[in-house]
Structure formats: C-alpha cells, structure tokens
Amino acid sequence: MDVPIDPATNCIESTWVDSHTWTPVELEAAHRSGANKSTSDRKAIYATYNQLSEGDLRKGYYEHRGKEWPATHMRKEGESYATGALTYGFGSPMLSVGEGKQVTF
C-alpha cells in the first residue's frame, strides 16, 4: 500500500485520509507514563502495521528503528538522531529520560 506523505507536515496527505473510512477503536493499552497532573487528558498511541501480502516486516522495522531512533538510554553521546526523529519520533509527546524534557532537533 502506498500512503502519500505530505513533506510539509510529515503527515499522511489529507486527500488520502478523506478518501478512506475511519472507525474509532477503544483500546486498553499498557503504558509507562508519569501521573498526569494537568487539567487536560493525555492520550497517545503509536501503532505500526503492514499488509500481510508485504510479508513479516517486524524484524527489519525494529532493526532500522534501533539504528535510527534508539531508546534514549541506548543513544550514543554526540550522535545525531535527527533523521530517525523525523521517521519515528515526529510529533512524539514523549520525554527524554536523560534530559527530563522533550528533545528537539
């Protein structure tokens, strides 16, 4: 499946989104977050998938992600992960454990 990405926003192009039917799904997903002490809801889920006809891409996905966007505790000092951030971390509300804040590139 070819899903067009808008290079200006790094999001799926709105024409493609508008041409599909979307169904809300309630999930009970495990998470690792600190207490939400704000007055606003905090919701996010990041799912990865591929079509069965494309084969099992799980191993390759995690190998690539581990190289381009490793977990914060596995990152090497002085190494740039800007390319991986655009693919795997774009729009992520997650904090860097080491920095104690959102990491920007």
Protein backbone atom coordinates (compact mmCIF):
# COMPACT_ATOMS: atom_id res chain seq x y z
CA MET A 1 0.00 0.00 0.00
CA ASP A 2 1.39 3.38 -0.96
CA VAL A 3 0.33 6.01 1.57
CA PRO A 4 1.29 9.53 0.42
CA ILE A 5 3.09 11.68 2.98
CA ASP A 6 2.92 15.48 2.84
CA PRO A 7 6.55 16.65 3.05
CA ALA A 8 5.50 19.96 4.65
CA THR A 9 3.84 18.28 7.66
CA ASN A 10 5.27 14.74 7.60
CA CYS A 11 1.66 13.55 7.93
CA ILE A 12 -0.50 11.45 5.63
CA GLU A 13 -1.88 13.65 2.86
CA SER A 14 -5.41 14.84 3.65
CA THR A 15 -6.77 13.75 0.25
CA TRP A 16 -5.80 10.16 1.08
CA VAL A 17 -7.26 10.43 4.58
CA ASP A 18 -10.53 11.85 3.22
CA SER A 19 -10.84 9.02 0.68
CA HIS A 20 -10.99 6.32 3.38
CA THR A 21 -13.49 5.28 6.04
CA TRP A 22 -12.14 5.53 9.59
CA THR A 23 -13.54 3.57 12.53
CA PRO A 24 -12.78 4.57 16.15
CA VAL A 25 -11.43 1.71 18.27
CA GLU A 26 -11.33 1.66 22.07
CA LEU A 27 -8.14 0.11 23.43
CA GLU A 28 -6.75 -0.81 26.82
CA ALA A 29 -3.06 -0.37 26.14
CA ALA A 30 -0.19 -0.77 28.55
CA HIS A 31 1.80 2.40 29.10
CA ARG A 32 4.69 3.86 31.02
CA SER A 33 3.82 7.42 31.92
CA GLY A 34 4.12 9.52 34.99
CA ALA A 35 0.99 10.76 36.70
CA ASN A 36 -0.99 13.26 34.65
CA LYS A 37 -1.09 16.26 36.97
CA SER A 38 -2.51 18.59 34.32
CA THR A 39 -6.14 19.55 33.83
CA SER A 40 -6.17 18.04 30.33
CA ASP A 41 -6.45 14.48 29.09
CA ARG A 42 -3.24 12.93 27.81
CA LYS A 43 -3.75 10.34 25.11
CA ALA A 44 -1.43 8.90 22.51
CA ILE A 45 -0.92 5.56 20.83
CA TYR A 46 1.65 4.65 18.25
CA ALA A 47 0.81 1.61 16.18
CA THR A 48 2.84 0.04 13.43
CA TYR A 49 1.48 -2.39 10.90
CA ASN A 50 1.84 -3.65 7.37
CA GLN A 51 -0.25 -5.68 4.97
CA LEU A 52 0.05 -9.46 5.17
CA SER A 53 0.90 -9.50 1.45
CA GLU A 54 4.06 -7.49 2.22
CA GLY A 55 5.38 -10.26 4.45
CA ASP A 56 6.61 -10.10 8.03
CA LEU A 57 8.49 -6.80 8.31
CA ARG A 58 8.69 -6.69 12.11
CA LYS A 59 12.37 -7.67 12.48
CA GLY A 60 13.54 -5.22 9.80
CA TYR A 61 11.40 -2.44 11.27
CA TYR A 62 12.93 -2.78 14.73
CA GLU A 63 16.47 -3.16 13.37
CA HIS A 64 16.08 0.07 11.39
CA ARG A 65 14.40 1.87 14.26
CA GLY A 66 17.08 0.73 16.71
CA LYS A 67 19.76 2.23 14.49
CA GLU A 68 17.99 5.47 13.51
CA TRP A 69 15.96 6.17 16.69
CA PRO A 70 17.16 4.04 19.63
CA ALA A 71 15.66 4.28 23.08
CA THR A 72 17.11 7.24 24.95
CA HIS A 73 19.18 5.05 27.28
CA MET A 74 20.83 3.39 24.25
CA ARG A 75 21.84 6.58 22.44
CA LYS A 76 25.49 7.44 21.99
CA GLU A 77 26.66 10.83 23.18
CA GLY A 78 27.43 13.14 20.28
CA GLU A 79 25.46 11.02 17.78
CA SER A 80 22.70 12.75 15.80
CA TYR A 81 19.35 11.02 15.56
CA ALA A 82 17.62 13.79 13.59
CA THR A 83 16.78 11.53 10.62
CA GLY A 84 15.25 8.90 12.88
CA ALA A 85 13.31 11.59 14.74
CA LEU A 86 11.52 12.54 11.52
CA THR A 87 10.52 8.93 10.88
CA TYR A 88 9.89 7.53 14.36
CA GLY A 89 9.63 10.48 16.72
CA PHE A 90 7.75 13.09 14.70
CA GLY A 91 5.09 14.63 16.92
CA SER A 92 6.02 12.40 19.83
CA PRO A 93 4.98 13.86 23.18
CA MET A 94 7.41 11.59 24.99
CA LEU A 95 10.13 12.97 27.17
CA SER A 96 13.79 12.14 27.05
CA VAL A 97 14.58 10.36 30.29
CA GLY A 98 18.10 11.79 30.31
CA GLU A 99 17.02 15.35 29.56
CA GLY A 100 13.78 15.39 31.56
CA LYS A 101 12.09 17.29 28.72
CA GLN A 102 11.01 16.95 25.10
CA VAL A 103 14.09 16.66 22.93
CA THR A 104 14.12 18.80 19.81
CA PHE A 105 16.34 18.50 16.76
